[in-house]
Amino acid sequence: MRLEAVILPDLGTGPDVPIVVSHWFACRGEEVWEGDRLVEVLVGPATFDVPAPATGRLAEIRGREDDLVAPGAVLGLVAAAEE
């Protein structure tokens, strides 16, 4: 089984702007599709979606809702579907 990390990209914010995990669109164990929105983060008044890095099942959630996170943080892991 290959695990793909769900990584928060650099959103171009300064170090003094908090980034908060707002909502997961899938629960652990649910099937996800590459490119579909997987987790929403709040950056000040704006929201951004982080897409699933691969098609498979959401194996782990590391960034829970209301957690403060930084660019490059691993928010979760997707167990990639075997091709």
N, C-alpha and C. Protein backbone atom coordinates (compact mmCIF):
# COMPACT_ATOMS: atom_id res chain seq x y z
N MET A 1 0.85 -1.17 0.00
CA MET A 1 0.00 0.00 0.00
C MET A 1 0.90 1.24 0.00
N ARG A 2 0.62 2.14 -0.91
CA ARG A 2 1.37 3.39 -1.04
C ARG A 2 0.56 4.50 -0.39
N LEU A 3 1.20 5.24 0.53
CA LEU A 3 0.53 6.36 1.19
C LEU A 3 0.99 7.66 0.56
N GLU A 4 0.03 8.51 0.22
CA GLU A 4 0.30 9.83 -0.35
C GLU A 4 -0.08 10.88 0.70
N ALA A 5 0.83 11.81 0.96
CA ALA A 5 0.58 12.85 1.96
C ALA A 5 -0.31 13.96 1.40
N VAL A 6 -1.23 14.42 2.23
CA VAL A 6 -2.05 15.59 1.92
C VAL A 6 -1.31 16.77 2.53
N ILE A 7 -0.66 17.57 1.69
CA ILE A 7 0.23 18.63 2.17
C ILE A 7 -0.41 20.00 1.93
N LEU A 8 -0.35 20.84 2.95
CA LEU A 8 -0.85 22.21 2.82
C LEU A 8 0.14 22.99 1.98
N PRO A 9 -0.28 23.49 0.82
CA PRO A 9 0.65 24.25 -0.02
C PRO A 9 0.93 25.63 0.57
N ASP A 10 1.96 26.28 0.06
CA ASP A 10 2.25 27.65 0.45
C ASP A 10 1.18 28.54 -0.18
N LEU A 11 0.42 29.21 0.65
CA LEU A 11 -0.68 30.04 0.17
C LEU A 11 -0.27 31.50 0.02
N GLY A 12 1.01 31.79 0.20
CA GLY A 12 1.51 33.15 0.03
C GLY A 12 1.20 34.07 1.19
N THR A 13 0.91 33.50 2.33
CA THR A 13 0.61 34.33 3.51
C THR A 13 1.89 34.60 4.29
N GLY A 14 1.86 35.64 5.07
CA GLY A 14 3.00 35.94 5.93
C GLY A 14 2.97 35.06 7.17
N PRO A 15 4.07 35.06 7.92
CA PRO A 15 4.15 34.21 9.12
C PRO A 15 3.20 34.61 10.23
N ASP A 16 2.68 35.85 10.16
CA ASP A 16 1.78 36.32 11.22
C ASP A 16 0.30 36.05 10.90
N VAL A 17 0.01 35.43 9.75
CA VAL A 17 -1.37 35.12 9.38
C VAL A 17 -1.67 33.67 9.74
N PRO A 18 -2.60 33.44 10.68
CA PRO A 18 -2.90 32.06 11.07
C PRO A 18 -3.66 31.31 9.96
N ILE A 19 -3.35 30.03 9.84
CA ILE A 19 -4.07 29.14 8.92
C ILE A 19 -4.71 28.06 9.79
N VAL A 20 -6.02 27.90 9.65
CA VAL A 20 -6.77 26.98 10.51
C VAL A 20 -7.49 25.95 9.65
N VAL A 21 -7.40 24.68 10.06
CA VAL A 21 -8.17 23.63 9.38
C VAL A 21 -9.63 23.87 9.70
N SER A 22 -10.44 24.01 8.65
CA SER A 22 -11.84 24.35 8.82
C SER A 22 -12.76 23.13 8.73
N HIS A 23 -12.58 22.33 7.65
CA HIS A 23 -13.53 21.24 7.41
C HIS A 23 -12.90 20.15 6.55
N TRP A 24 -13.12 18.90 6.92
CA TRP A 24 -12.75 17.76 6.08
C TRP A 24 -13.99 17.33 5.31
N PHE A 25 -13.84 17.11 4.01
CA PHE A 25 -14.95 16.68 3.17
C PHE A 25 -15.09 15.16 3.12
N ALA A 26 -14.17 14.44 3.76
CA ALA A 26 -14.23 12.98 3.84
C ALA A 26 -13.83 12.57 5.25
N CYS A 27 -14.30 11.41 5.66
CA CYS A 27 -13.93 10.83 6.94
C CYS A 27 -12.88 9.75 6.72
N ARG A 28 -12.16 9.43 7.76
CA ARG A 28 -11.16 8.36 7.68
C ARG A 28 -11.82 7.09 7.15
N GLY A 29 -11.18 6.46 6.17
CA GLY A 29 -11.69 5.23 5.58
C GLY A 29 -12.55 5.43 4.35
N GLU A 30 -12.97 6.66 4.08
CA GLU A 30 -13.81 6.94 2.91
C GLU A 30 -12.96 7.03 1.64
N GLU A 31 -13.57 6.68 0.53
CA GLU A 31 -12.91 6.77 -0.76
C GLU A 31 -12.84 8.22 -1.21
N VAL A 32 -11.67 8.59 -1.76
CA VAL A 32 -11.47 9.94 -2.29
C VAL A 32 -10.90 9.82 -3.70
N TRP A 33 -11.05 10.89 -4.48
CA TRP A 33 -10.57 10.89 -5.86
C TRP A 33 -9.53 11.99 -6.03
N GLU A 34 -8.47 11.69 -6.74
CA GLU A 34 -7.40 12.64 -6.99
C GLU A 34 -7.95 13.94 -7.56
N GLY A 35 -7.53 15.06 -6.96
CA GLY A 35 -7.94 16.37 -7.44
C GLY A 35 -9.21 16.91 -6.81
N ASP A 36 -10.03 16.04 -6.22
CA ASP A 36 -11.25 16.52 -5.55
C ASP A 36 -10.88 17.23 -4.26
N ARG A 37 -11.69 18.22 -3.88
CA ARG A 37 -11.40 18.92 -2.63
C ARG A 37 -11.53 17.94 -1.47
N LEU A 38 -10.55 18.01 -0.58
CA LEU A 38 -10.50 17.07 0.52
C LEU A 38 -10.61 17.77 1.86
N VAL A 39 -9.92 18.89 2.00
CA VAL A 39 -9.93 19.62 3.27
C VAL A 39 -9.93 21.12 2.98
N GLU A 40 -10.67 21.85 3.79
CA GLU A 40 -10.77 23.30 3.66
C GLU A 40 -9.99 23.95 4.80
N VAL A 41 -9.23 25.00 4.47
CA VAL A 41 -8.52 25.76 5.49
C VAL A 41 -8.95 27.22 5.42
N LEU A 42 -8.92 27.88 6.56
CA LEU A 42 -9.25 29.30 6.67
C LEU A 42 -7.96 30.09 6.80
N VAL A 43 -7.85 31.14 5.98
CA VAL A 43 -6.72 32.05 6.05
C VAL A 43 -7.32 33.45 6.16
N GLY A 44 -7.38 33.95 7.39
CA GLY A 44 -8.07 35.21 7.61
C GLY A 44 -9.52 35.05 7.20
N PRO A 45 -10.06 35.95 6.36
CA PRO A 45 -11.46 35.83 5.96
C PRO A 45 -11.67 34.89 4.75
N ALA A 46 -10.59 34.38 4.17
CA ALA A 46 -10.69 33.55 2.96
C ALA A 46 -10.61 32.06 3.29
N THR A 47 -11.20 31.25 2.41
CA THR A 47 -11.09 29.80 2.53
C THR A 47 -10.39 29.25 1.30
N PHE A 48 -9.63 28.19 1.51
CA PHE A 48 -8.94 27.50 0.42
C PHE A 48 -9.16 26.00 0.58
N ASP A 49 -9.32 25.31 -0.55
CA ASP A 49 -9.47 23.86 -0.54
C ASP A 49 -8.15 23.21 -0.90
N VAL A 50 -7.82 22.13 -0.18
CA VAL A 50 -6.64 21.33 -0.48
C VAL A 50 -7.16 20.06 -1.13
N PRO A 51 -6.68 19.73 -2.35
CA PRO A 51 -7.20 18.56 -3.07
C PRO A 51 -6.55 17.26 -2.60
N ALA A 52 -7.23 16.16 -2.89
CA ALA A 52 -6.68 14.83 -2.63
C ALA A 52 -5.50 14.59 -3.58
N PRO A 53 -4.37 14.09 -3.08
CA PRO A 53 -3.20 13.89 -3.93
C PRO A 53 -3.28 12.64 -4.79
N ALA A 54 -4.22 11.75 -4.48
CA ALA A 54 -4.34 10.49 -5.21
C ALA A 54 -5.74 9.93 -5.00
N THR A 55 -6.12 8.99 -5.86
CA THR A 55 -7.38 8.26 -5.68
C THR A 55 -7.11 7.10 -4.74
N GLY A 56 -7.99 6.92 -3.77
CA GLY A 56 -7.83 5.84 -2.80
C GLY A 56 -8.73 6.07 -1.60
N ARG A 57 -8.25 5.68 -0.44
CA ARG A 57 -9.01 5.86 0.80
C ARG A 57 -8.25 6.78 1.75
N LEU A 58 -8.99 7.64 2.45
CA LEU A 58 -8.38 8.52 3.44
C LEU A 58 -7.94 7.66 4.62
N ALA A 59 -6.64 7.48 4.76
CA ALA A 59 -6.11 6.56 5.77
C ALA A 59 -5.90 7.23 7.13
N GLU A 60 -5.58 8.53 7.12
CA GLU A 60 -5.27 9.20 8.38
C GLU A 60 -5.55 10.68 8.25
N ILE A 61 -6.06 11.26 9.34
CA ILE A 61 -6.26 12.70 9.43
C ILE A 61 -5.34 13.19 10.54
N ARG A 62 -4.39 14.06 10.18
CA ARG A 62 -3.45 14.60 11.17
C ARG A 62 -3.83 16.01 11.57
N GLY A 63 -4.32 16.81 10.63
CA GLY A 63 -4.76 18.17 10.92
C GLY A 63 -6.25 18.16 11.20
N ARG A 64 -6.61 18.20 12.45
CA ARG A 64 -8.02 18.16 12.84
C ARG A 64 -8.66 19.54 12.71
N GLU A 65 -9.96 19.58 12.63
CA GLU A 65 -10.68 20.85 12.52
C GLU A 65 -10.33 21.74 13.71
N ASP A 66 -10.09 23.01 13.43
CA ASP A 66 -9.69 24.06 14.37
C ASP A 66 -8.21 24.04 14.74
N ASP A 67 -7.41 23.11 14.17
CA ASP A 67 -5.96 23.10 14.39
C ASP A 67 -5.31 24.22 13.59
N LEU A 68 -4.32 24.87 14.19
CA LEU A 68 -3.47 25.82 13.47
C LEU A 68 -2.42 25.02 12.71
N VAL A 69 -2.20 25.34 11.44
CA VAL A 69 -1.23 24.62 10.62
C VAL A 69 -0.37 25.62 9.85
N ALA A 70 0.75 25.13 9.34
CA ALA A 70 1.68 25.98 8.59
C ALA A 70 1.84 25.40 7.19
N PRO A 71 2.22 26.23 6.22
CA PRO A 71 2.49 25.71 4.88
C PRO A 71 3.50 24.56 4.95
N GLY A 72 3.25 23.52 4.17
CA GLY A 72 4.11 22.34 4.16
C GLY A 72 3.69 21.27 5.16
N ALA A 73 2.72 21.58 6.02
CA ALA A 73 2.26 20.61 7.02
C ALA A 73 1.54 19.46 6.34
N VAL A 74 1.74 18.25 6.89
CA VAL A 74 1.02 17.08 6.41
C VAL A 74 -0.31 17.04 7.15
N LEU A 75 -1.40 17.23 6.40
CA LEU A 75 -2.73 17.27 7.00
C LEU A 75 -3.34 15.89 7.15
N GLY A 76 -2.92 14.96 6.29
CA GLY A 76 -3.45 13.60 6.33
C GLY A 76 -2.72 12.71 5.35
N LEU A 77 -3.18 11.47 5.27
CA LEU A 77 -2.58 10.49 4.35
C LEU A 77 -3.69 9.77 3.59
N VAL A 78 -3.43 9.57 2.30
CA VAL A 78 -4.36 8.82 1.44
C VAL A 78 -3.66 7.53 1.03
N ALA A 79 -4.34 6.39 1.27
CA ALA A 79 -3.84 5.10 0.80
C ALA A 79 -4.24 4.99 -0.67
N ALA A 80 -3.25 5.12 -1.55
CA ALA A 80 -3.52 5.15 -2.99
C ALA A 80 -4.06 3.81 -3.47
N ALA A 81 -5.03 3.88 -4.37
CA ALA A 81 -5.62 2.67 -4.96
C ALA A 81 -4.59 2.00 -5.85
N GLU A 82 -4.55 0.67 -5.83
CA GLU A 82 -3.64 -0.07 -6.69
C GLU A 82 -4.11 0.04 -8.12
N GLU A 83 -3.19 0.27 -9.02
CA GLU A 83 -3.55 0.42 -10.44
C GLU A 83 -3.42 -0.90 -11.15
